[in-house]
C-alpha atoms as a PDB file:
ATOM      1  CA  MET A   1      11.691  13.919   7.422  1.00  0.00           C
ATOM      2  CA  SER A   2      13.291  11.065   5.489  1.00  0.00           C
ATOM      3  CA  THR A   3      12.531  10.818   1.785  1.00  0.00           C
ATOM      4  CA  ASP A   4      11.371   7.281   2.555  1.00  0.00           C
ATOM      5  CA  GLN A   5       8.490   8.660   4.596  1.00  0.00           C
ATOM      6  CA  ASP A   6       5.148   9.783   3.195  1.00  0.00           C
ATOM      7  CA  ASP A   7       3.161  12.774   4.416  1.00  0.00           C
ATOM      8  CA  ALA A   8       1.325  10.680   6.995  1.00  0.00           C
ATOM      9  CA  GLY A   9       4.612   9.624   8.595  1.00  0.00           C
ATOM     10  CA  HIS A  10       4.384   6.036   7.356  1.00  0.00           C
ATOM     11  CA  GLY A  11       7.335   4.362   5.712  1.00  0.00           C
ATOM     12  CA  ARG A  12       7.393   3.681   1.999  1.00  0.00           C
ATOM     13  CA  TRP A  13       6.578  -0.028   2.395  1.00  0.00           C
ATOM     14  CA  ALA A  14       3.663   0.621   4.724  1.00  0.00           C
ATOM     15  CA  SER A  15       2.328   3.168   2.254  1.00  0.00           C
ATOM     16  CA  LEU A  16       2.810   0.833  -0.700  1.00  0.00           C
ATOM     17  CA  TYR A  17       1.163  -2.014   1.197  1.00  0.00           C
ATOM     18  CA  GLY A  18      -1.911   0.119   1.861  1.00  0.00           C
ATOM     19  CA  ARG A  19      -2.169   1.005  -1.830  1.00  0.00           C
ATOM     20  CA  VAL A  20      -1.939  -2.668  -2.772  1.00  0.00           C
ATOM     21  CA  LEU A  21      -4.749  -3.554  -0.355  1.00  0.00           C
ATOM     22  CA  ASP A  22      -6.882  -0.810  -1.920  1.00  0.00           C
ATOM     23  CA  ALA A  23      -6.159  -2.192  -5.390  1.00  0.00           C
ATOM     24  CA  LEU A  24      -6.851  -5.738  -4.236  1.00  0.00           C
ATOM     25  CA  GLU A  25     -10.252  -4.792  -2.850  1.00  0.00           C
ATOM     26  CA  ASP A  26     -11.106  -2.973  -6.083  1.00  0.00           C
ATOM     27  CA  LEU A  27     -10.012  -5.972  -8.145  1.00  0.00           C
ATOM     28  CA  LEU A  28     -12.074  -8.446  -6.127  1.00  0.00           C
ATOM     29  CA  ALA A  29     -15.179  -6.312  -5.643  1.00  0.00           C
ATOM     30  CA  GLY A  30     -18.256  -8.307  -6.593  1.00  0.00           C
ATOM     31  CA  ILE A  31     -16.312 -11.447  -7.507  1.00  0.00           C
ATOM     32  CA  ASP A  32     -18.584 -14.474  -7.914  1.00  0.00           C
ATOM     33  CA  PRO A  33     -18.001 -17.872  -6.247  1.00  0.00           C
ATOM     34  CA  ALA A  34     -17.118 -19.612  -9.514  1.00  0.00           C
ATOM     35  CA  THR A  35     -14.410 -17.062 -10.304  1.00  0.00           C
ATOM     36  CA  GLU A  36     -13.012 -17.398  -6.780  1.00  0.00           C
ATOM     37  CA  GLN A  37     -12.328 -21.048  -7.562  1.00  0.00           C
ATOM     38  CA  GLY A  38     -10.497 -20.308 -10.810  1.00  0.00           C
ATOM     39  CA  GLU A  39      -6.790 -21.136 -10.914  1.00  0.00           C
ATOM     40  CA  VAL A  40      -4.187 -18.365 -10.851  1.00  0.00           C
ATOM     41  CA  PRO A  41      -1.576 -19.583 -13.373  1.00  0.00           C
ATOM     42  CA  ALA A  42       1.419 -17.719 -11.922  1.00  0.00           C
ATOM     43  CA  THR A  43       1.031 -19.389  -8.520  1.00  0.00           C
ATOM     44  CA  PRO A  44       1.574 -23.010  -7.382  1.00  0.00           C
ATOM     45  CA  GLY A  45      -1.832 -24.137  -8.624  1.00  0.00           C
ATOM     46  CA  TRP A  46      -3.731 -21.909  -6.185  1.00  0.00           C
ATOM     47  CA  THR A  47      -7.216 -20.599  -6.791  1.00  0.00           C
ATOM     48  CA  VAL A  48      -8.071 -16.921  -6.534  1.00  0.00           C
ATOM     49  CA  ARG A  49      -9.462 -17.460  -3.033  1.00  0.00           C
ATOM     50  CA  GLN A  50      -6.362 -19.386  -1.965  1.00  0.00           C
ATOM     51  CA  VAL A  51      -4.078 -16.564  -3.118  1.00  0.00           C
ATOM     52  CA  VAL A  52      -6.029 -14.166  -0.921  1.00  0.00           C
ATOM     53  CA  ALA A  53      -5.940 -16.698   1.920  1.00  0.00           C
ATOM     54  CA  HIS A  54      -2.158 -16.833   1.571  1.00  0.00           C
ATOM     55  CA  LEU A  55      -1.954 -13.036   1.679  1.00  0.00           C
ATOM     56  CA  ALA A  56      -4.130 -12.926   4.799  1.00  0.00           C
ATOM     57  CA  GLY A  57      -2.103 -15.704   6.397  1.00  0.00           C
ATOM     58  CA  THR A  58       1.200 -14.061   5.597  1.00  0.00           C
ATOM     59  CA  ALA A  59       0.071 -10.763   7.067  1.00  0.00           C
ATOM     60  CA  SER A  60      -1.123 -12.530  10.214  1.00  0.00           C
ATOM     61  CA  ASP A  61       2.064 -14.563  10.548  1.00  0.00           C
ATOM     62  CA  ILE A  62       4.403 -11.619   9.998  1.00  0.00           C
ATOM     63  CA  THR A  63       2.628  -9.462  12.551  1.00  0.00           C
ATOM     64  CA  THR A  64       2.455 -12.211  15.191  1.00  0.00           C
ATOM     65  CA  GLY A  65       5.921 -13.679  14.615  1.00  0.00           C
ATOM     66  CA  ARG A  66       4.621 -17.028  13.423  1.00  0.00           C
ATOM     67  CA  MET A  67       7.398 -17.449  10.886  1.00  0.00           C
ATOM     68  CA  ALA A  68       8.732 -20.983  11.472  1.00  0.00           C
ATOM     69  CA  GLY A  69       9.287 -22.572   8.088  1.00  0.00           C
ATOM     70  CA  ALA A  70       8.763 -19.350   6.142  1.00  0.00           C
ATOM     71  CA  PRO A  71       8.586 -19.004   3.228  1.00  0.00           C
ATOM     72  CA  GLY A  72       8.438 -22.731   2.517  1.00  0.00           C
ATOM     73  CA  SER A  73       5.586 -24.790   1.138  1.00  0.00           C
ATOM     74  CA  ALA A  74       4.586 -26.216   4.540  1.00  0.00           C
ATOM     75  CA  TRP A  75       4.254 -22.680   5.911  1.00  0.00           C
ATOM     76  CA  THR A  76       1.991 -21.564   3.083  1.00  0.00           C
ATOM     77  CA  ALA A  77       0.032 -24.835   3.135  1.00  0.00           C
ATOM     78  CA  ARG A  78      -0.805 -24.211   6.811  1.00  0.00           C
ATOM     79  CA  GLN A  79      -2.063 -20.728   5.980  1.00  0.00           C
ATOM     80  CA  LEU A  80      -4.392 -22.130   3.337  1.00  0.00           C
ATOM     81  CA  ALA A  81      -5.590 -25.008   5.520  1.00  0.00           C
ATOM     82  CA  GLU A  82      -6.430 -22.668   8.403  1.00  0.00           C
ATOM     83  CA  ARG A  83      -8.545 -20.530   6.059  1.00  0.00           C
ATOM     84  CA  ASP A  84     -10.164 -23.286   4.045  1.00  0.00           C
ATOM     85  CA  GLY A  85     -13.748 -22.297   3.331  1.00  0.00           C
ATOM     86  CA  VAL A  86     -13.395 -18.791   4.772  1.00  0.00           C
ATOM     87  CA  PRO A  87     -15.417 -16.368   2.600  1.00  0.00           C
ATOM     88  CA  MET A  88     -13.555 -13.860   0.466  1.00  0.00           C
ATOM     89  CA  ALA A  89     -15.002 -10.912   2.392  1.00  0.00           C
ATOM     90  CA  GLU A  90     -13.609 -12.299   5.644  1.00  0.00           C
ATOM     91  CA  LEU A  91     -10.176 -12.859   4.109  1.00  0.00           C
ATOM     92  CA  LEU A  92     -10.074  -9.266   2.902  1.00  0.00           C
ATOM     93  CA  ALA A  93     -11.251  -8.091   6.327  1.00  0.00           C
ATOM     94  CA  GLU A  94      -8.440 -10.072   7.951  1.00  0.00           C
ATOM     95  CA  LEU A  95      -5.938  -8.357   5.686  1.00  0.00           C
ATOM     96  CA  ARG A  96      -7.255  -4.953   6.713  1.00  0.00           C
ATOM     97  CA  SER A  97      -7.270  -5.915  10.375  1.00  0.00           C
ATOM     98  CA  THR A  98      -3.514  -6.517  10.321  1.00  0.00           C
ATOM     99  CA  GLN A  99      -2.620  -3.491   8.184  1.00  0.00           C
ATOM    100  CA  ARG A 100      -1.830  -1.185  11.090  1.00  0.00           C
ATOM    101  CA  SER A 101       0.350  -3.788  12.823  1.00  0.00           C
ATOM    102  CA  PHE A 102       2.194  -4.509   9.590  1.00  0.00           C
ATOM    103  CA  GLY A 103       2.733  -0.804   9.007  1.00  0.00           C
ATOM    104  CA  ILE A 104       4.626  -0.546  12.298  1.00  0.00           C
ATOM    105  CA  ILE A 105       7.175  -3.175  11.239  1.00  0.00           C
ATOM    106  CA  ALA A 106       7.016  -2.754   7.457  1.00  0.00           C
ATOM    107  CA  GLU A 107      10.367  -1.024   7.020  1.00  0.00           C
ATOM    108  CA  GLY A 108      12.075  -4.083   8.475  1.00  0.00           C
ATOM    109  CA  ALA A 109       9.698  -6.556   6.846  1.00  0.00           C
ATOM    110  CA  SER A 110       9.570  -5.347   3.257  1.00  0.00           C
ATOM    111  CA  ALA A 111       9.083  -8.944   2.077  1.00  0.00           C
ATOM    112  CA  GLY A 112       5.484  -8.673   3.284  1.00  0.00           C
ATOM    113  CA  ALA A 113       4.884  -5.704   0.999  1.00  0.00           C
ATOM    114  CA  PHE A 114       6.703  -7.432  -1.868  1.00  0.00           C
ATOM    115  CA  ASN A 115       4.523 -10.515  -1.378  1.00  0.00           C
ATOM    116  CA  ALA A 116       1.369  -8.435  -1.616  1.00  0.00           C
ATOM    117  CA  VAL A 117       2.614  -6.675  -4.753  1.00  0.00           C
ATOM    118  CA  VAL A 118       3.503  -9.841  -6.641  1.00  0.00           C
ATOM    119  CA  HIS A 119       0.305 -11.684  -5.769  1.00  0.00           C
ATOM    120  CA  HIS A 120      -1.818  -8.686  -6.720  1.00  0.00           C
ATOM    121  CA  ALA A 121      -0.041  -8.813 -10.090  1.00  0.00           C
ATOM    122  CA  ASP A 122      -0.774 -12.554 -10.321  1.00  0.00           C
ATOM    123  CA  LEU A 123      -4.452 -11.936  -9.660  1.00  0.00           C
ATOM    124  CA  THR A 124      -4.623  -8.994 -12.056  1.00  0.00           C
ATOM    125  CA  GLU A 125      -3.234 -11.121 -14.874  1.00  0.00           C
ATOM    126  CA  ALA A 126      -5.606 -13.977 -14.057  1.00  0.00           C
ATOM    127  CA  LEU A 127      -8.798 -11.976 -13.593  1.00  0.00           C
ATOM    128  CA  VAL A 128      -8.582  -9.058 -16.001  1.00  0.00           C
ATOM    129  CA  ALA A 129      -5.727 -10.099 -18.307  1.00  0.00           C
ATOM    130  CA  HIS A 130      -3.804  -6.877 -18.085  1.00  0.00           C
ATOM    131  CA  ARG A 131      -0.815  -5.466 -16.289  1.00  0.00           C
ATOM    132  CA  GLN A 132      -0.646  -4.284 -12.729  1.00  0.00           C
ATOM    133  CA  ASP A 133      -0.445  -0.518 -12.308  1.00  0.00           C
ATOM    134  CA  GLU A 134       3.170   0.631 -12.527  1.00  0.00           C
ATOM    135  CA  ALA A 135       2.799   2.618  -9.303  1.00  0.00           C
ATOM    136  CA  LEU A 136       2.535  -0.672  -7.408  1.00  0.00           C
ATOM    137  CA  PHE A 137       5.451  -2.647  -8.849  1.00  0.00           C
ATOM    138  CA  LEU A 138       7.934   0.104  -9.724  1.00  0.00           C
ATOM    139  CA  PRO A 139       8.955   0.895  -6.098  1.00  0.00           C
ATOM    140  CA  VAL A 140       9.905  -2.773  -5.608  1.00  0.00           C
ATOM    141  CA  LEU A 141      11.770  -2.869  -8.910  1.00  0.00           C
ATOM    142  CA  GLN A 142      13.753   0.218  -7.979  1.00  0.00           C
ATOM    143  CA  ASP A 143      14.531  -1.154  -4.520  1.00  0.00           C
ATOM    144  CA  GLN A 144      15.864  -4.364  -6.066  1.00  0.00           C
ATOM    145  CA  ARG A 145      17.954  -2.594  -8.710  1.00  0.00           C
ATOM    146  CA  HIS A 146      21.084  -4.236  -7.315  1.00  0.00           C
ATOM    147  CA  ARG A 147      19.758  -7.606  -8.510  1.00  0.00           C
ATOM    148  CA  TRP A 148      19.243  -6.682 -12.150  1.00  0.00           C
ATOM    149  CA  SER A 149      21.508  -3.712 -12.881  1.00  0.00           C
ATOM    150  CA  THR A 150      24.504  -6.064 -12.856  1.00  0.00           C
ATOM    151  CA  LEU A 151      23.042  -7.611 -16.033  1.00  0.00           C
ATOM    152  CA  SER A 152      23.640  -4.306 -17.862  1.00  0.00           C
ATOM    153  CA  LEU A 153      19.913  -3.535 -17.913  1.00  0.00           C
ATOM    154  CA  ARG A 154      18.174  -0.214 -17.539  1.00  0.00           C
ATOM    155  CA  LEU A 155      14.615   1.048 -17.352  1.00  0.00           C
ATOM    156  CA  PRO A 156      13.419   3.209 -20.258  1.00  0.00           C
ATOM    157  CA  ASP A 157      13.378   6.365 -18.130  1.00  0.00           C
ATOM    158  CA  ASP A 158      16.820   5.881 -16.570  1.00  0.00           C
ATOM    159  CA  PRO A 159      18.923   8.951 -17.454  1.00  0.00           C
ATOM    160  CA  GLY A 160      22.519   8.715 -18.640  1.00  0.00           C
ATOM    161  CA  LEU A 161      22.495   4.954 -19.192  1.00  0.00           C
ATOM    162  CA  ALA A 162      22.001   4.867 -22.940  1.00  0.00           C
ATOM    163  CA  GLY A 163      24.631   2.164 -23.430  1.00  0.00           C
ATOM    164  CA  LEU A 164      22.653  -0.412 -21.448  1.00  0.00           C
ATOM    165  CA  ARG A 165      19.784  -2.611 -22.642  1.00  0.00           C
ATOM    166  CA  SER A 166      16.404  -0.967 -22.037  1.00  0.00           C
ATOM    167  CA  VAL A 167      13.835  -3.426 -20.704  1.00  0.00           C
ATOM    168  CA  ASP A 168      10.095  -3.429 -20.124  1.00  0.00           C
ATOM    169  CA  PRO A 169       9.676  -2.590 -16.403  1.00  0.00           C
ATOM    170  CA  TYR A 170       6.653  -4.815 -15.914  1.00  0.00           C
ATOM    171  CA  LEU A 171       8.267  -7.837 -17.530  1.00  0.00           C
ATOM    172  CA  LEU A 172      11.409  -7.227 -15.488  1.00  0.00           C
ATOM    173  CA  SER A 173       9.324  -7.159 -12.318  1.00  0.00           C
ATOM    174  CA  ARG A 174       7.736 -10.472 -13.292  1.00  0.00           C
ATOM    175  CA  ALA A 175      11.152 -11.976 -13.985  1.00  0.00           C
ATOM    176  CA  LEU A 176      12.373 -10.688 -10.634  1.00  0.00           C
ATOM    177  CA  PHE A 177       9.627 -12.700  -8.926  1.00  0.00           C
ATOM    178  CA  THR A 178      10.285 -15.789 -11.069  1.00  0.00           C
ATOM    179  CA  ARG A 179       7.054 -15.384 -13.015  1.00  0.00           C
ATOM    180  CA  LEU A 180       8.605 -15.726 -16.488  1.00  0.00           C
ATOM    181  CA  ASP A 181       9.936 -18.935 -17.991  1.00  0.00           C
ATOM    182  CA  ARG A 182      13.573 -19.257 -19.006  1.00  0.00           C
ATOM    183  CA  SER A 183      13.038 -18.400 -22.661  1.00  0.00           C
ATOM    184  CA  ALA A 184      11.041 -15.287 -21.749  1.00  0.00           C
ATOM    185  CA  VAL A 185      13.716 -14.129 -19.311  1.00  0.00           C
ATOM    186  CA  ARG A 186      16.417 -14.674 -21.915  1.00  0.00           C
ATOM    187  CA  ALA A 187      14.420 -12.725 -24.495  1.00  0.00           C
ATOM    188  CA  LEU A 188      14.032  -9.905 -21.971  1.00  0.00           C
ATOM    189  CA  VAL A 189      17.648  -9.579 -20.843  1.00  0.00           C
ATOM    190  CA  GLY A 190      19.318 -10.336 -24.167  1.00  0.00           C
ATOM    191  CA  PRO A 191      22.383 -12.405 -25.015  1.00  0.00           C
ATOM    192  CA  GLY A 192      24.813 -10.653 -22.698  1.00  0.00           C
ATOM    193  CA  PRO A 193      24.114 -12.235 -19.282  1.00  0.00           C
ATOM    194  CA  THR A 194      25.345 -15.767 -18.668  1.00  0.00           C
ATOM    195  CA  ASP A 195      22.957 -18.638 -17.965  1.00  0.00           C
ATOM    196  CA  ALA A 196      23.993 -18.492 -14.309  1.00  0.00           C
ATOM    197  CA  GLU A 197      23.170 -14.775 -14.171  1.00  0.00           C
ATOM    198  CA  VAL A 198      19.780 -15.396 -15.768  1.00  0.00           C
ATOM    199  CA  ASP A 199      19.082 -18.131 -13.237  1.00  0.00           C
ATOM    200  CA  GLY A 200      20.104 -15.838 -10.389  1.00  0.00           C
ATOM    201  CA  LEU A 201      17.728 -13.029 -11.295  1.00  0.00           C
ATOM    202  CA  GLY A 202      14.556 -14.429  -9.714  1.00  0.00           C
ATOM    203  CA  LEU A 203      13.902 -13.928  -6.026  1.00  0.00           C
ATOM    204  CA  PHE A 204      12.127 -17.302  -5.914  1.00  0.00           C
ATOM    205  CA  GLY A 205      14.793 -19.295  -7.702  1.00  0.00           C
ATOM    206  CA  PRO A 206      15.669 -20.008 -11.339  1.00  0.00           C
ATOM    207  CA  PRO A 207      13.005 -19.690 -14.034  1.00  0.00           C
ATOM    208  CA  ALA A 208      11.298 -22.827 -15.253  1.00  0.00           C
ATOM    209  CA  ASP A 209      11.716 -24.275 -18.718  1.00  0.00           C
ATOM    210  CA  ARG A 210       8.331 -24.223 -20.480  1.00  0.00           C
END
């Protein structure tokens, strides 16, 4: 069996995706209507409920091939519009209903798992003001090592790389998903990388100046 397969025979991204859905349900258990309408700062002005609507819409679109315009703003706006007013419990149920279908294609659609990871982190920061569990973001960070290792960075536990700059894994994961502003990214990676390299780190484009 491949090392990328878990004991149940599911690929690593399908397994990670299931763990993120578990964590998402735990995070949102018992959420009240007022909190659902609170803004999630790391997103494009979305509320908590809209972030979950986007996750449900993305899962539905990926598993049905409705990907025209992805991942642009019109694509995500349609997802939110189609789920406007849908209760949180139904959005979470929709996510679960597509889990099996996503698991079948997950190894070729890792972006769906990545999307769930980053938005769970967004919600965790917004709702409980602490970091996402490392077990959820670290697999993505390791998979994307080619994007940040060229900046002479290493994770604290990387063996044999003592000459490279050790960085906080969580902050690096947030920079990777363009969740840190330019000054925060520069403080993280140090003076070595060029401005162009700093701008090229984020999967969703250059960091903003704030």
